[in-house]
Amino acid sequence: PNAKTAVLFVNGFNGLGLHTLFYILRKFESIFKNFVFVQVGVVDAGNFRGTEEIQRVEQNMKDEADRYVKYMKQHGFYSESISHIGVDVADEITALAPKILERFPQATFFGGQLVFSKDSLLLRGLHNFTIFTVQRNLHYQGIPVIIMPIRVY
């Protein structure tokens, strides 16, 4: 737990999460020994269909995050995942981060953000900027967050 730890905010086992992970591995080479993958699911009150739906979402999130864990363990790193459900992703991550730091005091937090070669209002509307809210909230608490740019051509 006292080794350098990369904490990645992910939203499924997908291109954004994988590219963020690979970017960290390339740019920071052998600095990080531990990798923690944090995934927060959102409960939409308008689409809420009971506890079975919550359990399905929780299991899906755990399965997705565990794919990162399995990959990193296969490559010789310590890894674990944290899955959580709430009503606002940024608020949930803001509450989880200090708890993660208690367990991994040498943690650095990372998130990925898609960057398009041609920007437009439509692209801005379609792509989530939650990571910037998370960064602002955690910076206010004195917790560093690094946003990795993931270029899309």
N, C-alpha and C. Protein backbone atom coordinates (compact mmCIF):
# COMPACT_ATOMS: atom_id res chain seq x y z
N PRO A 1 0.80 -1.23 0.00
CA PRO A 1 0.00 0.00 0.00
C PRO A 1 0.84 1.29 0.00
N ASN A 2 2.07 1.23 0.45
CA ASN A 2 2.90 2.43 0.50
C ASN A 2 3.67 2.68 -0.79
N ALA A 3 3.57 1.78 -1.77
CA ALA A 3 4.22 1.99 -3.06
C ALA A 3 3.42 3.00 -3.87
N LYS A 4 4.06 3.56 -4.87
CA LYS A 4 3.37 4.50 -5.77
C LYS A 4 2.18 3.80 -6.41
N THR A 5 1.04 4.46 -6.35
CA THR A 5 -0.21 3.88 -6.83
C THR A 5 -0.88 4.80 -7.83
N ALA A 6 -1.26 4.25 -8.97
CA ALA A 6 -2.05 4.99 -9.96
C ALA A 6 -3.50 4.60 -9.76
N VAL A 7 -4.34 5.60 -9.52
CA VAL A 7 -5.77 5.38 -9.37
C VAL A 7 -6.43 5.94 -10.63
N LEU A 8 -7.06 5.07 -11.40
CA LEU A 8 -7.67 5.47 -12.65
C LEU A 8 -9.18 5.47 -12.53
N PHE A 9 -9.78 6.57 -12.97
CA PHE A 9 -11.23 6.65 -13.04
C PHE A 9 -11.64 6.10 -14.41
N VAL A 10 -12.45 5.06 -14.41
CA VAL A 10 -12.87 4.43 -15.66
C VAL A 10 -14.39 4.34 -15.70
N ASN A 11 -14.90 4.13 -16.89
CA ASN A 11 -16.34 3.97 -17.06
C ASN A 11 -16.62 2.75 -17.94
N GLY A 12 -16.06 1.65 -17.53
CA GLY A 12 -16.19 0.42 -18.29
C GLY A 12 -14.84 0.03 -18.89
N PHE A 13 -14.77 -1.18 -19.37
CA PHE A 13 -13.55 -1.67 -20.02
C PHE A 13 -13.67 -1.27 -21.47
N ASN A 14 -13.11 -0.09 -21.79
CA ASN A 14 -13.32 0.47 -23.12
C ASN A 14 -12.08 1.23 -23.59
N GLY A 15 -12.19 1.81 -24.76
CA GLY A 15 -11.06 2.52 -25.36
C GLY A 15 -10.51 3.65 -24.51
N LEU A 16 -11.38 4.45 -23.92
CA LEU A 16 -10.92 5.58 -23.12
C LEU A 16 -10.12 5.09 -21.91
N GLY A 17 -10.64 4.11 -21.20
CA GLY A 17 -9.93 3.58 -20.04
C GLY A 17 -8.63 2.90 -20.41
N LEU A 18 -8.66 2.10 -21.47
CA LEU A 18 -7.44 1.41 -21.90
C LEU A 18 -6.38 2.39 -22.40
N HIS A 19 -6.78 3.37 -23.18
CA HIS A 19 -5.81 4.35 -23.67
C HIS A 19 -5.23 5.17 -22.52
N THR A 20 -6.05 5.48 -21.54
CA THR A 20 -5.55 6.20 -20.36
C THR A 20 -4.52 5.34 -19.64
N LEU A 21 -4.84 4.08 -19.43
CA LEU A 21 -3.91 3.16 -18.78
C LEU A 21 -2.60 3.06 -19.56
N PHE A 22 -2.68 2.84 -20.87
CA PHE A 22 -1.46 2.69 -21.67
C PHE A 22 -0.65 3.98 -21.70
N TYR A 23 -1.32 5.12 -21.69
CA TYR A 23 -0.64 6.41 -21.65
C TYR A 23 0.16 6.52 -20.36
N ILE A 24 -0.44 6.14 -19.25
CA ILE A 24 0.25 6.18 -17.95
C ILE A 24 1.46 5.25 -17.96
N LEU A 25 1.27 4.05 -18.48
CA LEU A 25 2.38 3.08 -18.53
C LEU A 25 3.53 3.61 -19.39
N ARG A 26 3.21 4.29 -20.49
CA ARG A 26 4.25 4.86 -21.37
C ARG A 26 4.94 6.05 -20.74
N LYS A 27 4.16 6.99 -20.22
CA LYS A 27 4.72 8.26 -19.74
C LYS A 27 5.40 8.15 -18.38
N PHE A 28 4.92 7.24 -17.54
CA PHE A 28 5.46 7.14 -16.19
C PHE A 28 6.28 5.86 -15.98
N GLU A 29 6.45 5.09 -17.06
CA GLU A 29 7.24 3.86 -17.08
C GLU A 29 7.10 3.03 -15.81
N SER A 30 8.13 2.92 -15.01
CA SER A 30 8.10 1.99 -13.87
C SER A 30 7.83 2.67 -12.53
N ILE A 31 7.22 3.86 -12.55
CA ILE A 31 6.97 4.59 -11.31
C ILE A 31 5.90 3.91 -10.46
N PHE A 32 4.82 3.49 -11.08
CA PHE A 32 3.68 2.95 -10.34
C PHE A 32 3.78 1.43 -10.21
N LYS A 33 3.59 0.96 -8.98
CA LYS A 33 3.61 -0.48 -8.69
C LYS A 33 2.20 -1.02 -8.48
N ASN A 34 1.28 -0.14 -8.09
CA ASN A 34 -0.11 -0.52 -7.82
C ASN A 34 -1.02 0.23 -8.78
N PHE A 35 -2.10 -0.42 -9.15
CA PHE A 35 -3.11 0.21 -10.00
C PHE A 35 -4.48 -0.08 -9.40
N VAL A 36 -5.24 0.99 -9.16
CA VAL A 36 -6.58 0.87 -8.63
C VAL A 36 -7.53 1.48 -9.66
N PHE A 37 -8.53 0.73 -10.04
CA PHE A 37 -9.50 1.19 -11.03
C PHE A 37 -10.81 1.50 -10.32
N VAL A 38 -11.27 2.74 -10.48
CA VAL A 38 -12.48 3.21 -9.80
C VAL A 38 -13.55 3.44 -10.85
N GLN A 39 -14.67 2.79 -10.65
CA GLN A 39 -15.80 2.97 -11.55
C GLN A 39 -17.03 3.31 -10.73
N VAL A 40 -17.70 4.40 -11.12
CA VAL A 40 -18.92 4.83 -10.44
C VAL A 40 -20.08 4.75 -11.42
N GLY A 41 -21.10 4.03 -11.02
CA GLY A 41 -22.31 3.95 -11.81
C GLY A 41 -23.35 4.92 -11.28
N VAL A 42 -24.23 5.34 -12.16
CA VAL A 42 -25.24 6.33 -11.80
C VAL A 42 -26.61 5.66 -11.78
N VAL A 43 -27.34 5.93 -10.71
CA VAL A 43 -28.73 5.48 -10.62
C VAL A 43 -29.60 6.62 -11.13
N ASP A 44 -30.32 6.35 -12.18
CA ASP A 44 -31.21 7.34 -12.76
C ASP A 44 -32.61 7.11 -12.20
N ALA A 45 -33.09 8.06 -11.41
CA ALA A 45 -34.39 7.90 -10.76
C ALA A 45 -35.52 7.68 -11.77
N GLY A 46 -35.39 8.27 -12.95
CA GLY A 46 -36.42 8.11 -13.97
C GLY A 46 -36.47 6.71 -14.55
N ASN A 47 -35.35 6.01 -14.52
CA ASN A 47 -35.29 4.65 -15.08
C ASN A 47 -35.11 3.58 -14.02
N PHE A 48 -35.18 3.96 -12.76
CA PHE A 48 -34.97 3.02 -11.67
C PHE A 48 -36.06 1.96 -11.68
N ARG A 49 -35.63 0.70 -11.65
CA ARG A 49 -36.59 -0.40 -11.71
C ARG A 49 -36.45 -1.38 -10.55
N GLY A 50 -35.90 -0.93 -9.43
CA GLY A 50 -35.82 -1.78 -8.25
C GLY A 50 -34.44 -2.32 -7.97
N THR A 51 -34.39 -3.12 -6.90
CA THR A 51 -33.10 -3.62 -6.43
C THR A 51 -32.45 -4.59 -7.42
N GLU A 52 -33.25 -5.30 -8.19
CA GLU A 52 -32.67 -6.21 -9.18
C GLU A 52 -31.87 -5.44 -10.22
N GLU A 53 -32.37 -4.30 -10.62
CA GLU A 53 -31.65 -3.46 -11.58
C GLU A 53 -30.35 -2.95 -10.97
N ILE A 54 -30.39 -2.53 -9.73
CA ILE A 54 -29.18 -2.06 -9.04
C ILE A 54 -28.15 -3.19 -8.97
N GLN A 55 -28.59 -4.37 -8.62
CA GLN A 55 -27.67 -5.51 -8.52
C GLN A 55 -27.07 -5.85 -9.88
N ARG A 56 -27.86 -5.75 -10.93
CA ARG A 56 -27.36 -6.01 -12.28
C ARG A 56 -26.29 -4.98 -12.66
N VAL A 57 -26.57 -3.71 -12.39
CA VAL A 57 -25.62 -2.64 -12.69
C VAL A 57 -24.34 -2.83 -11.88
N GLU A 58 -24.47 -3.13 -10.59
CA GLU A 58 -23.29 -3.36 -9.74
C GLU A 58 -22.44 -4.51 -10.26
N GLN A 59 -23.07 -5.61 -10.63
CA GLN A 59 -22.32 -6.77 -11.13
C GLN A 59 -21.63 -6.44 -12.44
N ASN A 60 -22.31 -5.74 -13.33
CA ASN A 60 -21.72 -5.35 -14.61
C ASN A 60 -20.50 -4.44 -14.39
N MET A 61 -20.64 -3.47 -13.48
CA MET A 61 -19.52 -2.58 -13.19
C MET A 61 -18.34 -3.35 -12.63
N LYS A 62 -18.61 -4.26 -11.69
CA LYS A 62 -17.54 -5.05 -11.09
C LYS A 62 -16.84 -5.89 -12.15
N ASP A 63 -17.61 -6.52 -13.02
CA ASP A 63 -17.04 -7.35 -14.08
C ASP A 63 -16.14 -6.52 -15.00
N GLU A 64 -16.61 -5.34 -15.38
CA GLU A 64 -15.83 -4.47 -16.26
C GLU A 64 -14.54 -4.02 -15.59
N ALA A 65 -14.63 -3.56 -14.35
CA ALA A 65 -13.44 -3.09 -13.64
C ALA A 65 -12.47 -4.23 -13.39
N ASP A 66 -12.98 -5.42 -13.13
CA ASP A 66 -12.12 -6.57 -12.87
C ASP A 66 -11.34 -7.00 -14.11
N ARG A 67 -11.79 -6.63 -15.28
CA ARG A 67 -11.03 -6.92 -16.50
C ARG A 67 -9.72 -6.14 -16.50
N TYR A 68 -9.76 -4.89 -16.02
CA TYR A 68 -8.51 -4.12 -15.88
C TYR A 68 -7.59 -4.79 -14.87
N VAL A 69 -8.17 -5.21 -13.74
CA VAL A 69 -7.39 -5.84 -12.67
C VAL A 69 -6.70 -7.09 -13.21
N LYS A 70 -7.44 -7.92 -13.90
CA LYS A 70 -6.87 -9.16 -14.46
C LYS A 70 -5.72 -8.83 -15.41
N TYR A 71 -5.91 -7.85 -16.27
CA TYR A 71 -4.87 -7.47 -17.23
C TYR A 71 -3.59 -7.03 -16.51
N MET A 72 -3.74 -6.17 -15.50
CA MET A 72 -2.57 -5.66 -14.79
C MET A 72 -1.87 -6.76 -13.99
N LYS A 73 -2.62 -7.65 -13.38
CA LYS A 73 -2.01 -8.75 -12.63
C LYS A 73 -1.24 -9.67 -13.57
N GLN A 74 -1.76 -9.87 -14.78
CA GLN A 74 -1.05 -10.69 -15.76
C GLN A 74 0.29 -10.06 -16.16
N HIS A 75 0.41 -8.75 -15.96
CA HIS A 75 1.64 -8.05 -16.31
C HIS A 75 2.49 -7.72 -15.08
N GLY A 76 2.20 -8.38 -13.96
CA GLY A 76 3.06 -8.31 -12.80
C GLY A 76 2.82 -7.18 -11.83
N PHE A 77 1.69 -6.50 -11.93
CA PHE A 77 1.38 -5.39 -11.03
C PHE A 77 0.35 -5.82 -9.99
N TYR A 78 0.38 -5.14 -8.84
CA TYR A 78 -0.73 -5.30 -7.90
C TYR A 78 -1.87 -4.45 -8.43
N SER A 79 -3.07 -4.97 -8.38
CA SER A 79 -4.21 -4.21 -8.89
C SER A 79 -5.48 -4.62 -8.17
N GLU A 80 -6.39 -3.67 -8.06
CA GLU A 80 -7.71 -3.94 -7.51
C GLU A 80 -8.69 -2.94 -8.10
N SER A 81 -9.96 -3.21 -7.89
CA SER A 81 -10.99 -2.30 -8.40
C SER A 81 -11.93 -1.89 -7.28
N ILE A 82 -12.51 -0.72 -7.49
CA ILE A 82 -13.53 -0.20 -6.58
C ILE A 82 -14.70 0.21 -7.45
N SER A 83 -15.85 -0.36 -7.18
CA SER A 83 -17.07 -0.01 -7.90
C SER A 83 -18.05 0.57 -6.91
N HIS A 84 -18.75 1.60 -7.34
CA HIS A 84 -19.68 2.29 -6.44
C HIS A 84 -20.84 2.83 -7.26
N ILE A 85 -22.00 2.88 -6.66
CA ILE A 85 -23.18 3.44 -7.34
C ILE A 85 -23.65 4.65 -6.57
N GLY A 86 -24.06 5.67 -7.32
CA GLY A 86 -24.58 6.89 -6.71
C GLY A 86 -25.41 7.66 -7.70
N VAL A 87 -25.76 8.88 -7.33
CA VAL A 87 -26.59 9.70 -8.21
C VAL A 87 -25.78 10.71 -9.02
N ASP A 88 -24.53 10.96 -8.60
CA ASP A 88 -23.67 11.90 -9.32
C ASP A 88 -22.23 11.37 -9.30
N VAL A 89 -21.67 11.13 -10.47
CA VAL A 89 -20.33 10.54 -10.57
C VAL A 89 -19.29 11.40 -9.85
N ALA A 90 -19.28 12.69 -10.14
CA ALA A 90 -18.27 13.57 -9.55
C ALA A 90 -18.36 13.60 -8.03
N ASP A 91 -19.56 13.67 -7.50
CA ASP A 91 -19.74 13.69 -6.04
C ASP A 91 -19.28 12.38 -5.41
N GLU A 92 -19.58 11.26 -6.03
CA GLU A 92 -19.19 9.96 -5.49
C GLU A 92 -17.67 9.80 -5.49
N ILE A 93 -17.02 10.20 -6.58
CA ILE A 93 -15.56 10.12 -6.65
C ILE A 93 -14.93 11.05 -5.62
N THR A 94 -15.50 12.24 -5.47
CA THR A 94 -14.99 13.20 -4.49
C THR A 94 -15.04 12.61 -3.08
N ALA A 95 -16.08 11.84 -2.78
CA ALA A 95 -16.20 11.20 -1.47
C ALA A 95 -15.28 9.99 -1.34
N LEU A 96 -15.05 9.26 -2.43
CA LEU A 96 -14.21 8.05 -2.38
C LEU A 96 -12.72 8.36 -2.29
N ALA A 97 -12.27 9.43 -2.92
CA ALA A 97 -10.83 9.72 -3.03
C ALA A 97 -10.10 9.77 -1.68
N PRO A 98 -10.61 10.48 -0.67
CA PRO A 98 -9.88 10.48 0.62
C PRO A 98 -9.77 9.08 1.24
N LYS A 99 -10.77 8.24 1.03
CA LYS A 99 -10.72 6.87 1.56
C LYS A 99 -9.65 6.06 0.84
N ILE A 100 -9.53 6.29 -0.46
CA ILE A 100 -8.49 5.60 -1.24
C ILE A 100 -7.11 6.06 -0.77
N LEU A 101 -6.97 7.36 -0.50
CA LEU A 101 -5.69 7.88 -0.03
C LEU A 101 -5.31 7.34 1.35
N GLU A 102 -6.28 7.05 2.18
CA GLU A 102 -5.98 6.43 3.48
C GLU A 102 -5.33 5.08 3.28
N ARG A 103 -5.82 4.34 2.31
CA ARG A 103 -5.29 2.99 2.04
C ARG A 103 -4.02 3.03 1.24
N PHE A 104 -3.94 3.96 0.28
CA PHE A 104 -2.78 4.09 -0.60
C PHE A 104 -2.27 5.53 -0.52
N PRO A 105 -1.45 5.83 0.48
CA PRO A 105 -1.02 7.23 0.69
C PRO A 105 -0.16 7.80 -0.43
N GLN A 106 0.43 6.94 -1.26
CA GLN A 106 1.26 7.41 -2.38
C GLN A 106 0.48 7.40 -3.71
N ALA A 107 -0.83 7.61 -3.62
CA ALA A 107 -1.68 7.52 -4.82
C ALA A 107 -1.66 8.82 -5.61
N THR A 108 -1.70 8.65 -6.92
CA THR A 108 -1.93 9.75 -7.86
C THR A 108 -3.16 9.37 -8.66
N PHE A 109 -4.08 10.31 -8.81
CA PHE A 109 -5.34 10.05 -9.48
C PHE A 109 -5.26 10.47 -10.95
N PHE A 110 -5.86 9.65 -11.82
CA PHE A 110 -5.82 9.89 -13.26
C PHE A 110 -7.21 9.73 -13.86
N GLY A 111 -7.47 10.52 -14.87
CA GLY A 111 -8.66 10.37 -15.68
C GLY A 111 -8.29 10.66 -17.12
N GLY A 112 -9.04 10.13 -18.02
CA GLY A 112 -8.81 10.39 -19.45
C GLY A 112 -9.87 11.33 -19.99
N GLN A 113 -9.48 12.10 -20.99
CA GLN A 113 -10.43 12.99 -21.66
C GLN A 113 -10.18 12.91 -23.16
N LEU A 114 -11.23 12.62 -23.90
CA LEU A 114 -11.11 12.60 -25.36
C LEU A 114 -10.85 14.01 -25.88
N VAL A 115 -9.91 14.11 -26.80
CA VAL A 115 -9.57 15.38 -27.44
C VAL A 115 -9.69 15.15 -28.94
N PHE A 116 -10.54 15.91 -29.58
CA PHE A 116 -10.79 15.74 -31.01
C PHE A 116 -9.99 16.75 -31.82
N SER A 117 -9.55 16.32 -33.01
CA SER A 117 -8.76 17.22 -33.85
C SER A 117 -9.59 18.41 -34.31
N LYS A 118 -10.87 18.21 -34.50
CA LYS A 118 -11.77 19.30 -34.87
C LYS A 118 -12.87 19.37 -33.82
N ASP A 119 -12.87 20.44 -33.07
CA ASP A 119 -13.83 20.62 -31.98
C ASP A 119 -15.10 21.29 -32.50
N SER A 120 -16.22 20.96 -31.90
CA SER A 120 -17.48 21.60 -32.26
C SER A 120 -18.41 21.56 -31.05
N LEU A 121 -19.45 22.36 -31.10
CA LEU A 121 -20.43 22.34 -30.01
C LEU A 121 -21.11 20.98 -29.91
N LEU A 122 -21.33 20.34 -31.03
CA LEU A 122 -21.95 19.01 -31.03
C LEU A 122 -21.06 18.02 -30.29
N LEU A 123 -19.77 18.00 -30.60
CA LEU A 123 -18.84 17.09 -29.92
C LEU A 123 -18.79 17.39 -28.43
N ARG A 124 -18.79 18.66 -28.08
CA ARG A 124 -18.75 19.03 -26.66
C ARG A 124 -20.01 18.55 -25.95
N GLY A 125 -21.13 18.62 -26.63
CA GLY A 125 -22.39 18.17 -26.04
C GLY A 125 -22.48 16.66 -25.89
N LEU A 126 -21.82 15.94 -26.80
CA LEU A 126 -21.89 14.48 -26.79
C LEU A 126 -20.92 13.84 -25.81
N HIS A 127 -19.84 14.53 -25.49
CA HIS A 127 -18.80 13.91 -24.66
C HIS A 127 -18.75 14.54 -23.28
N ASN A 128 -18.61 13.66 -22.33
CA ASN A 128 -18.71 14.01 -20.92
C ASN A 128 -17.45 14.74 -20.44
N PHE A 129 -17.65 15.78 -19.66
CA PHE A 129 -16.54 16.54 -19.08
C PHE A 129 -16.50 16.36 -17.56
N THR A 130 -17.00 15.23 -17.09
CA THR A 130 -17.05 14.96 -15.65
C THR A 130 -15.67 15.03 -15.02
N ILE A 131 -14.64 14.60 -15.76
CA ILE A 131 -13.30 14.56 -15.19
C ILE A 131 -12.84 15.95 -14.75
N PHE A 132 -13.29 16.99 -15.43
CA PHE A 132 -12.89 18.35 -15.04
C PHE A 132 -13.54 18.76 -13.71
N THR A 133 -14.77 18.33 -13.50
CA THR A 133 -15.44 18.59 -12.21
C THR A 133 -14.75 17.81 -11.11
N VAL A 134 -14.41 16.55 -11.38
CA VAL A 134 -13.69 15.73 -10.41
C VAL A 134 -12.36 16.38 -10.06
N GLN A 135 -11.64 16.82 -11.07
CA GLN A 135 -10.34 17.46 -10.84
C GLN A 135 -10.49 18.69 -9.95
N ARG A 136 -11.45 19.53 -10.26
CA ARG A 136 -11.68 20.75 -9.47
C ARG A 136 -12.03 20.40 -8.01
N ASN A 137 -12.93 19.43 -7.82
CA ASN A 137 -13.33 19.03 -6.47
C ASN A 137 -12.16 18.46 -5.67
N LEU A 138 -11.37 17.61 -6.31
CA LEU A 138 -10.25 17.00 -5.59
C LEU A 138 -9.12 17.99 -5.37
N HIS A 139 -8.88 18.88 -6.33
CA HIS A 139 -7.87 19.92 -6.12
C HIS A 139 -8.24 20.78 -4.91
N TYR A 140 -9.51 21.06 -4.74
CA TYR A 140 -9.95 21.84 -3.60
C TYR A 140 -9.60 21.14 -2.28
N GLN A 141 -9.59 19.80 -2.31
CA GLN A 141 -9.22 19.02 -1.13
C GLN A 141 -7.71 18.82 -1.03
N GLY A 142 -6.96 19.35 -2.00
CA GLY A 142 -5.51 19.18 -1.99
C GLY A 142 -5.06 17.86 -2.59
N ILE A 143 -5.91 17.22 -3.37
CA ILE A 143 -5.61 15.93 -3.98
C ILE A 143 -5.31 16.15 -5.46
N PRO A 144 -4.11 15.78 -5.92
CA PRO A 144 -3.79 15.98 -7.34
C PRO A 144 -4.51 15.00 -8.25
N VAL A 145 -4.94 15.51 -9.38
CA VAL A 145 -5.56 14.70 -10.43
C VAL A 145 -4.90 15.07 -11.74
N ILE A 146 -4.47 14.08 -12.47
CA ILE A 146 -3.86 14.30 -13.78
C ILE A 146 -4.84 13.82 -14.84
N ILE A 147 -5.13 14.69 -15.79
CA ILE A 147 -6.02 14.33 -16.89
C ILE A 147 -5.15 14.01 -18.10
N MET A 148 -5.30 12.79 -18.59
CA MET A 148 -4.53 12.33 -19.74
C MET A 148 -5.33 12.60 -21.01
N PRO A 149 -4.74 13.32 -21.96
CA PRO A 149 -5.46 13.59 -23.21
C PRO A 149 -5.43 12.37 -24.12
N ILE A 150 -6.58 11.97 -24.58
CA ILE A 150 -6.69 10.85 -25.50
C ILE A 150 -7.17 11.41 -26.85
N ARG A 151 -6.24 11.50 -27.77
CA ARG A 151 -6.54 12.14 -29.06
C ARG A 151 -7.38 11.24 -29.96
N VAL A 152 -8.39 11.84 -30.59
CA VAL A 152 -9.25 11.16 -31.55
C VAL A 152 -9.11 11.92 -32.85
N TYR A 153 -8.77 11.20 -33.90
CA TYR A 153 -8.55 11.87 -35.21
C TYR A 153 -9.78 11.84 -36.06
